[in-house]
Protein backbone atom coordinates (compact mmCIF):
# COMPACT_ATOMS: atom_id res chain seq x y z
CA MET A 1 48.31 74.44 200.12
CA LYS A 2 44.38 72.97 200.06
CA ARG A 3 43.99 69.48 201.17
CA ARG A 4 42.38 67.39 198.29
CA SER A 5 39.44 65.58 198.94
CA GLY A 6 40.01 62.29 196.83
CA LEU A 7 36.90 61.50 194.68
CA THR A 8 35.27 58.02 194.08
CA TRP A 9 33.10 56.90 191.34
CA ALA A 10 29.94 57.66 193.39
CA ALA A 11 30.89 61.38 193.36
CA VAL A 12 32.14 61.59 189.95
CA ARG A 13 28.42 59.70 189.17
CA LYS A 14 26.54 62.23 191.33
CA ILE A 15 28.25 65.34 189.73
CA GLY A 16 27.89 63.79 185.84
CA LEU A 17 24.31 63.00 186.45
CA SER A 18 23.53 66.31 187.62
CA PHE A 19 23.66 67.54 183.85
CA PRO A 20 20.80 67.22 181.41
CA GLY A 21 20.90 64.20 179.28
CA VAL A 22 23.53 62.35 181.03
CA GLU A 23 22.98 58.64 181.71
CA GLU A 24 25.03 55.82 182.89
CA ALA A 25 26.81 53.29 180.68
CA THR A 26 30.11 51.41 180.33
CA SER A 27 33.06 51.78 178.51
CA TYR A 28 35.93 48.96 177.78
CA GLY A 29 34.22 47.36 180.77
CA THR A 30 34.17 50.14 183.11
CA PRO A 31 31.34 52.53 184.64
CA SER A 32 30.85 55.42 182.19
CA LEU A 33 28.75 58.70 181.74
CA HIS A 34 27.50 59.52 177.98
CA VAL A 35 25.35 62.65 177.21
CA ARG A 36 22.79 61.58 174.50
CA LYS A 37 24.66 58.31 173.67
CA LYS A 38 27.88 60.24 173.28
CA PHE A 39 30.91 59.40 175.29
CA LEU A 40 31.52 61.98 178.21
CA ALA A 41 33.62 60.43 181.01
CA ARG A 42 34.77 56.81 182.22
CA LEU A 43 36.79 55.12 185.17
CA ARG A 44 39.91 54.05 183.91
CA GLU A 45 40.63 50.41 184.77
CA ASP A 46 43.13 51.52 187.50
CA GLY A 47 39.79 52.39 189.35
CA GLU A 48 41.96 55.41 190.39
CA SER A 49 41.70 57.94 187.42
CA LEU A 50 39.08 59.16 185.47
CA VAL A 51 38.93 59.89 181.33
CA ILE A 52 37.12 62.80 180.08
CA LYS A 53 36.31 63.77 176.63
CA CYS A 54 37.15 67.73 176.77
CA GLY A 55 38.58 69.08 173.68
CA PHE A 56 42.26 69.70 173.28
CA ASP A 57 42.15 73.85 173.97
CA GLU A 58 40.71 72.30 177.70
CA ARG A 59 43.26 69.81 177.98
CA ASP A 60 46.11 71.76 177.48
CA PHE A 61 44.88 74.39 179.77
CA ARG A 62 44.41 71.80 182.57
CA LEU A 63 47.57 70.12 181.91
CA GLN A 64 49.51 73.25 182.27
CA ALA A 65 47.38 74.61 185.21
CA ASP A 66 47.34 71.65 187.49
CA PRO A 67 49.96 68.69 186.42
CA VAL A 68 49.27 67.02 189.78
CA THR A 69 45.52 66.38 189.10
CA PHE A 70 45.45 66.03 185.26
CA PHE A 71 47.91 63.90 182.97
CA VAL A 72 47.61 62.38 179.80
CA THR A 73 49.31 59.14 178.74
CA ASP A 74 50.87 58.21 175.14
CA HIS A 75 47.51 56.19 174.64
CA TYR A 76 45.49 59.55 174.88
CA ARG A 77 47.89 61.95 173.34
CA GLY A 78 46.01 62.21 170.01
CA TYR A 79 42.67 62.26 171.63
CA PRO A 80 40.93 65.19 172.97
CA ALA A 81 40.55 63.44 176.32
CA LEU A 82 41.86 64.49 179.87
CA LEU A 83 42.96 61.96 182.42
CA VAL A 84 42.04 63.01 186.25
CA ARG A 85 43.56 61.58 189.56
CA LEU A 86 40.82 61.35 191.45
CA SER A 87 42.97 61.43 194.76
CA GLU A 88 43.61 64.82 194.09
CA ALA A 89 40.60 66.04 192.65
CA THR A 90 38.15 68.23 194.45
CA PRO A 91 34.20 68.08 193.82
CA THR A 92 34.21 71.75 192.58
CA LEU A 93 37.20 71.30 190.22
CA LEU A 94 35.31 68.10 188.83
CA ARG A 95 32.32 69.70 188.42
CA GLU A 96 33.73 72.64 186.30
CA VAL A 97 35.77 70.10 184.35
CA LEU A 98 32.74 68.03 183.62
CA GLU A 99 30.56 70.75 182.60
CA GLU A 100 33.38 71.93 180.11
CA ALA A 101 33.24 68.48 178.57
CA TRP A 102 29.47 68.31 178.84
CA ARG A 103 29.05 71.79 177.13
CA VAL A 104 31.31 70.36 174.62
CA ASN A 105 29.38 67.08 173.86
CA ALA A 106 26.00 67.66 174.49
CA PRO A 107 23.56 68.73 171.82
CA LYS A 108 23.51 72.58 171.32
CA ARG A 109 19.58 72.57 172.05
CA LEU A 110 20.27 70.87 175.48
CA VAL A 111 23.12 73.65 176.18
CA LYS A 112 21.10 76.37 175.34
CA GLU A 113 17.95 75.00 177.34
CA TYR A 114 20.57 74.52 180.51
CA ASP A 115 21.92 78.08 180.28
CA ALA A 116 18.31 79.39 180.13
CA ARG A 117 17.23 78.10 183.32
């Protein structure tokens, strides 16, 4: 089994800010990332997990593929959001999930420009 790295908000921030149009903000009193003023991700109050707005299909796929890293609580069950245990996530996996979330939430023009590079 591959050893997980255990990520911090600093690592999440670095990965998230690498996508066009992403800016730092706060959400519910915690650090967050937004793309063109739309919520993308935030650190949960526990400081150990992340909320990512990703869409229901992506959420369901991740929950089934890796329930150790990904989860939802009753609060988020009706929202297109995925919770990530930072202690279990690798940088590569987090980048993959954040990019998918960015593609869902970013303006289509921004995604098209990004893909053209």
